[in-house]
Amino acid sequence: MKQVEFTILGQSYQLRCPEGGESRLQSAVATVDREMSAIRDAGKVKARERIAVLAALNLAYQLASRPEPAPARAPAAAAGDDDGALDALIRRVDGALGSDGQLL
């Protein structure tokens, strides 16, 4: 782990990050600093802790508002053979469950 120093709203912080993760950390720091600065510069909130909470909520909301990526699909044995693949999977699960029908 590498120790990295960064500044948010003029305050210095030290954080450990994995080797090779410095650029992602710097990007995250820039995003948090930009969000907190915008809240502070709007002039309605003065307390650093309150600014941090509002910035965290704004960023979390933005993250939650992103469209979810489509789930990865396993390739079917042959084009149009989804029913056959599903049947095979069901047979495998039935076999794994055994006669009592319960995994545990």
N, C-alpha and C. Protein backbone atom coordinates (compact mmCIF):
# COMPACT_ATOMS: atom_id res chain seq x y z
N MET A 1 0.84 -1.18 0.00
CA MET A 1 0.00 0.00 0.00
C MET A 1 0.89 1.24 0.00
N LYS A 2 0.43 2.22 -0.73
CA LYS A 2 1.17 3.46 -0.85
C LYS A 2 0.42 4.56 -0.12
N GLN A 3 1.13 5.43 0.58
CA GLN A 3 0.52 6.55 1.28
C GLN A 3 0.51 7.75 0.33
N VAL A 4 -0.68 8.36 0.16
CA VAL A 4 -0.84 9.48 -0.75
C VAL A 4 -1.43 10.64 0.02
N GLU A 5 -0.90 11.83 -0.23
CA GLU A 5 -1.44 13.04 0.40
C GLU A 5 -2.24 13.80 -0.64
N PHE A 6 -3.40 14.31 -0.23
CA PHE A 6 -4.23 15.08 -1.14
C PHE A 6 -4.94 16.17 -0.35
N THR A 7 -5.54 17.11 -1.08
CA THR A 7 -6.19 18.26 -0.46
C THR A 7 -7.63 18.38 -0.95
N ILE A 8 -8.53 18.57 0.01
CA ILE A 8 -9.93 18.84 -0.29
C ILE A 8 -10.33 20.08 0.49
N LEU A 9 -10.87 21.06 -0.20
CA LEU A 9 -11.26 22.34 0.41
C LEU A 9 -10.12 22.95 1.23
N GLY A 10 -8.90 22.84 0.73
CA GLY A 10 -7.75 23.42 1.40
C GLY A 10 -7.23 22.64 2.59
N GLN A 11 -7.85 21.53 2.91
CA GLN A 11 -7.43 20.69 4.04
C GLN A 11 -6.67 19.49 3.51
N SER A 12 -5.51 19.20 4.09
CA SER A 12 -4.69 18.07 3.64
C SER A 12 -5.12 16.79 4.35
N TYR A 13 -5.09 15.70 3.58
CA TYR A 13 -5.44 14.38 4.09
C TYR A 13 -4.40 13.39 3.58
N GLN A 14 -4.16 12.34 4.35
CA GLN A 14 -3.30 11.25 3.91
C GLN A 14 -4.12 9.98 3.88
N LEU A 15 -3.96 9.23 2.80
CA LEU A 15 -4.74 8.01 2.63
C LEU A 15 -3.84 6.96 1.99
N ARG A 16 -4.03 5.72 2.41
CA ARG A 16 -3.29 4.62 1.78
C ARG A 16 -4.11 4.11 0.61
N CYS A 17 -3.42 3.78 -0.46
CA CYS A 17 -4.11 3.21 -1.62
C CYS A 17 -3.22 2.13 -2.22
N PRO A 18 -3.82 1.17 -2.92
CA PRO A 18 -3.04 0.10 -3.52
C PRO A 18 -2.13 0.63 -4.62
N GLU A 19 -1.01 -0.03 -4.80
CA GLU A 19 -0.08 0.34 -5.87
C GLU A 19 -0.83 0.36 -7.20
N GLY A 20 -0.60 1.39 -7.98
CA GLY A 20 -1.25 1.51 -9.28
C GLY A 20 -2.62 2.16 -9.20
N GLY A 21 -3.12 2.45 -8.00
CA GLY A 21 -4.44 3.04 -7.86
C GLY A 21 -4.42 4.55 -7.66
N GLU A 22 -3.22 5.13 -7.78
CA GLU A 22 -3.08 6.56 -7.51
C GLU A 22 -3.92 7.43 -8.44
N SER A 23 -3.96 7.10 -9.71
CA SER A 23 -4.70 7.94 -10.66
C SER A 23 -6.20 7.88 -10.39
N ARG A 24 -6.71 6.70 -10.04
CA ARG A 24 -8.13 6.59 -9.71
C ARG A 24 -8.44 7.36 -8.43
N LEU A 25 -7.53 7.29 -7.45
CA LEU A 25 -7.72 8.03 -6.21
C LEU A 25 -7.71 9.53 -6.49
N GLN A 26 -6.76 9.99 -7.30
CA GLN A 26 -6.69 11.42 -7.62
C GLN A 26 -7.96 11.88 -8.33
N SER A 27 -8.50 11.04 -9.19
CA SER A 27 -9.75 11.37 -9.88
C SER A 27 -10.90 11.48 -8.88
N ALA A 28 -10.96 10.54 -7.93
CA ALA A 28 -11.99 10.57 -6.91
C ALA A 28 -11.85 11.82 -6.03
N VAL A 29 -10.62 12.15 -5.66
CA VAL A 29 -10.36 13.34 -4.85
C VAL A 29 -10.82 14.59 -5.60
N ALA A 30 -10.50 14.68 -6.88
CA ALA A 30 -10.90 15.84 -7.67
C ALA A 30 -12.42 15.96 -7.73
N THR A 31 -13.11 14.83 -7.87
CA THR A 31 -14.58 14.84 -7.91
C THR A 31 -15.16 15.31 -6.59
N VAL A 32 -14.65 14.78 -5.48
CA VAL A 32 -15.15 15.18 -4.16
C VAL A 32 -14.84 16.65 -3.89
N ASP A 33 -13.63 17.10 -4.22
CA ASP A 33 -13.26 18.49 -4.01
C ASP A 33 -14.14 19.42 -4.84
N ARG A 34 -14.40 19.05 -6.08
CA ARG A 34 -15.24 19.86 -6.97
C ARG A 34 -16.67 19.95 -6.40
N GLU A 35 -17.22 18.83 -5.93
CA GLU A 35 -18.57 18.82 -5.39
C GLU A 35 -18.65 19.63 -4.10
N MET A 36 -17.69 19.45 -3.21
CA MET A 36 -17.70 20.19 -1.95
C MET A 36 -17.48 21.69 -2.18
N SER A 37 -16.61 22.03 -3.12
CA SER A 37 -16.37 23.45 -3.44
C SER A 37 -17.61 24.11 -3.99
N ALA A 38 -18.35 23.39 -4.83
CA ALA A 38 -19.58 23.95 -5.40
C ALA A 38 -20.60 24.24 -4.31
N ILE A 39 -20.71 23.35 -3.33
CA ILE A 39 -21.65 23.55 -2.22
C ILE A 39 -21.20 24.74 -1.37
N ARG A 40 -19.91 24.79 -1.07
CA ARG A 40 -19.38 25.90 -0.26
C ARG A 40 -19.54 27.22 -1.00
N ASP A 41 -19.25 27.24 -2.29
CA ASP A 41 -19.32 28.47 -3.07
C ASP A 41 -20.74 28.98 -3.27
N ALA A 42 -21.72 28.09 -3.13
CA ALA A 42 -23.12 28.52 -3.22
C ALA A 42 -23.46 29.40 -2.01
N GLY A 43 -22.67 29.30 -0.93
CA GLY A 43 -22.79 30.20 0.19
C GLY A 43 -23.85 29.88 1.23
N LYS A 44 -24.62 28.85 1.02
CA LYS A 44 -25.70 28.57 1.97
C LYS A 44 -25.24 27.69 3.14
N VAL A 45 -24.17 26.93 2.94
CA VAL A 45 -23.68 26.02 3.97
C VAL A 45 -22.24 26.38 4.28
N LYS A 46 -21.93 26.52 5.55
CA LYS A 46 -20.58 26.92 5.97
C LYS A 46 -19.80 25.80 6.66
N ALA A 47 -20.48 24.95 7.40
CA ALA A 47 -19.80 23.91 8.18
C ALA A 47 -19.24 22.83 7.25
N ARG A 48 -17.95 22.55 7.42
CA ARG A 48 -17.26 21.57 6.57
C ARG A 48 -17.92 20.19 6.64
N GLU A 49 -18.33 19.78 7.84
CA GLU A 49 -18.95 18.47 7.99
C GLU A 49 -20.27 18.40 7.21
N ARG A 50 -21.05 19.44 7.28
CA ARG A 50 -22.32 19.48 6.55
C ARG A 50 -22.09 19.50 5.04
N ILE A 51 -21.08 20.23 4.61
CA ILE A 51 -20.72 20.26 3.18
C ILE A 51 -20.34 18.86 2.73
N ALA A 52 -19.56 18.15 3.56
CA ALA A 52 -19.12 16.80 3.20
C ALA A 52 -20.30 15.85 3.08
N VAL A 53 -21.25 15.95 4.01
CA VAL A 53 -22.43 15.07 3.96
C VAL A 53 -23.26 15.37 2.71
N LEU A 54 -23.49 16.64 2.42
CA LEU A 54 -24.27 17.00 1.23
C LEU A 54 -23.57 16.54 -0.05
N ALA A 55 -22.25 16.71 -0.10
CA ALA A 55 -21.49 16.27 -1.27
C ALA A 55 -21.58 14.75 -1.43
N ALA A 56 -21.46 14.02 -0.31
CA ALA A 56 -21.57 12.56 -0.37
C ALA A 56 -22.94 12.13 -0.87
N LEU A 57 -23.97 12.80 -0.38
CA LEU A 57 -25.33 12.47 -0.83
C LEU A 57 -25.51 12.78 -2.32
N ASN A 58 -25.01 13.91 -2.77
CA ASN A 58 -25.10 14.26 -4.19
C ASN A 58 -24.39 13.23 -5.07
N LEU A 59 -23.18 12.84 -4.67
CA LEU A 59 -22.42 11.88 -5.45
C LEU A 59 -23.08 10.50 -5.43
N ALA A 60 -23.59 10.10 -4.27
CA ALA A 60 -24.27 8.80 -4.17
C ALA A 60 -25.52 8.79 -5.04
N TYR A 61 -26.24 9.90 -5.06
CA TYR A 61 -27.45 10.00 -5.89
C TYR A 61 -27.09 9.90 -7.37
N GLN A 62 -26.01 10.60 -7.77
CA GLN A 62 -25.57 10.52 -9.17
C GLN A 62 -25.18 9.09 -9.53
N LEU A 63 -24.50 8.42 -8.63
CA LEU A 63 -24.09 7.04 -8.88
C LEU A 63 -25.30 6.13 -8.99
N ALA A 64 -26.27 6.31 -8.11
CA ALA A 64 -27.47 5.47 -8.12
C ALA A 64 -28.35 5.75 -9.34
N SER A 65 -28.22 6.94 -9.91
CA SER A 65 -29.04 7.31 -11.07
C SER A 65 -28.48 6.80 -12.39
N ARG A 66 -27.28 6.28 -12.36
CA ARG A 66 -26.70 5.74 -13.59
C ARG A 66 -27.47 4.50 -14.02
N PRO A 67 -27.63 4.32 -15.33
CA PRO A 67 -28.31 3.09 -15.77
C PRO A 67 -27.46 1.87 -15.43
N GLU A 68 -28.13 0.81 -15.02
CA GLU A 68 -27.42 -0.42 -14.68
C GLU A 68 -26.96 -1.11 -15.96
N PRO A 69 -25.75 -1.65 -15.96
CA PRO A 69 -25.30 -2.38 -17.14
C PRO A 69 -26.12 -3.66 -17.33
N ALA A 70 -26.29 -4.03 -18.57
CA ALA A 70 -27.04 -5.26 -18.87
C ALA A 70 -26.26 -6.46 -18.33
N PRO A 71 -26.96 -7.42 -17.73
CA PRO A 71 -26.26 -8.60 -17.21
C PRO A 71 -25.64 -9.40 -18.35
N ALA A 72 -24.50 -9.97 -18.07
CA ALA A 72 -23.83 -10.80 -19.08
C ALA A 72 -24.60 -12.10 -19.27
N ARG A 73 -24.76 -12.50 -20.50
CA ARG A 73 -25.46 -13.77 -20.78
C ARG A 73 -24.45 -14.82 -21.18
N ALA A 74 -24.66 -16.01 -20.70
CA ALA A 74 -23.82 -17.13 -21.12
C ALA A 74 -24.22 -17.49 -22.55
N PRO A 75 -23.25 -17.76 -23.40
CA PRO A 75 -23.60 -18.11 -24.77
C PRO A 75 -24.38 -19.43 -24.81
N ALA A 76 -25.40 -19.47 -25.63
CA ALA A 76 -26.19 -20.70 -25.80
C ALA A 76 -25.39 -21.71 -26.61
N ALA A 77 -25.72 -22.98 -26.44
CA ALA A 77 -25.00 -24.03 -27.17
C ALA A 77 -25.09 -23.79 -28.67
N ALA A 78 -26.22 -23.37 -29.14
CA ALA A 78 -26.39 -23.04 -30.55
C ALA A 78 -27.41 -21.92 -30.64
N ALA A 79 -27.36 -21.15 -31.69
CA ALA A 79 -28.31 -20.04 -31.85
C ALA A 79 -29.73 -20.58 -31.82
N GLY A 80 -30.60 -19.94 -31.01
CA GLY A 80 -31.98 -20.37 -30.92
C GLY A 80 -32.18 -21.58 -30.03
N ASP A 81 -31.15 -21.97 -29.28
CA ASP A 81 -31.24 -23.17 -28.44
C ASP A 81 -31.38 -22.80 -26.97
N ASP A 82 -32.01 -21.65 -26.69
CA ASP A 82 -32.15 -21.21 -25.30
C ASP A 82 -32.96 -22.19 -24.48
N ASP A 83 -34.04 -22.76 -25.05
CA ASP A 83 -34.86 -23.71 -24.31
C ASP A 83 -34.07 -24.97 -23.96
N GLY A 84 -33.26 -25.44 -24.88
CA GLY A 84 -32.44 -26.62 -24.62
C GLY A 84 -31.42 -26.36 -23.53
N ALA A 85 -30.80 -25.19 -23.56
CA ALA A 85 -29.81 -24.84 -22.54
C ALA A 85 -30.49 -24.71 -21.18
N LEU A 86 -31.68 -24.13 -21.16
CA LEU A 86 -32.41 -23.99 -19.91
C LEU A 86 -32.79 -25.35 -19.35
N ASP A 87 -33.27 -26.24 -20.22
CA ASP A 87 -33.62 -27.59 -19.77
C ASP A 87 -32.40 -28.31 -19.20
N ALA A 88 -31.26 -28.17 -19.85
CA ALA A 88 -30.04 -28.81 -19.37
C ALA A 88 -29.65 -28.26 -18.00
N LEU A 89 -29.80 -26.95 -17.83
CA LEU A 89 -29.47 -26.33 -16.55
C LEU A 89 -30.41 -26.83 -15.45
N ILE A 90 -31.69 -26.92 -15.77
CA ILE A 90 -32.66 -27.42 -14.79
C ILE A 90 -32.32 -28.85 -14.39
N ARG A 91 -31.94 -29.68 -15.36
CA ARG A 91 -31.56 -31.07 -15.04
C ARG A 91 -30.33 -31.09 -14.13
N ARG A 92 -29.37 -30.21 -14.37
CA ARG A 92 -28.17 -30.16 -13.53
C ARG A 92 -28.52 -29.75 -12.11
N VAL A 93 -29.41 -28.75 -11.96
CA VAL A 93 -29.81 -28.32 -10.63
C VAL A 93 -30.57 -29.43 -9.92
N ASP A 94 -31.48 -30.09 -10.64
CA ASP A 94 -32.22 -31.21 -10.05
C ASP A 94 -31.27 -32.30 -9.58
N GLY A 95 -30.26 -32.58 -10.37
CA GLY A 95 -29.28 -33.60 -10.00
C GLY A 95 -28.48 -33.19 -8.77
N ALA A 96 -28.15 -31.90 -8.68
CA ALA A 96 -27.38 -31.42 -7.54
C ALA A 96 -28.22 -31.43 -6.26
N LEU A 97 -29.51 -31.19 -6.41
CA LEU A 97 -30.38 -31.17 -5.24
C LEU A 97 -30.60 -32.56 -4.66
N GLY A 98 -30.55 -33.54 -5.50
CA GLY A 98 -30.77 -34.90 -5.04
C GLY A 98 -32.22 -35.18 -4.78
N SER A 99 -32.48 -36.21 -4.02
CA SER A 99 -33.85 -36.66 -3.84
C SER A 99 -34.65 -35.80 -2.87
N ASP A 100 -33.99 -35.09 -1.93
CA ASP A 100 -34.77 -34.32 -0.97
C ASP A 100 -35.14 -32.92 -1.48
N GLY A 101 -34.54 -32.48 -2.57
CA GLY A 101 -34.89 -31.20 -3.16
C GLY A 101 -34.39 -29.99 -2.40
N GLN A 102 -33.41 -30.19 -1.48
CA GLN A 102 -32.87 -29.06 -0.73
C GLN A 102 -31.35 -29.10 -0.79
N LEU A 103 -30.75 -27.90 -0.95
CA LEU A 103 -29.29 -27.82 -1.01
C LEU A 103 -28.65 -28.03 0.37
N LEU A 104 -29.27 -27.51 1.40
CA LEU A 104 -28.65 -27.58 2.74
C LEU A 104 -29.37 -28.56 3.63
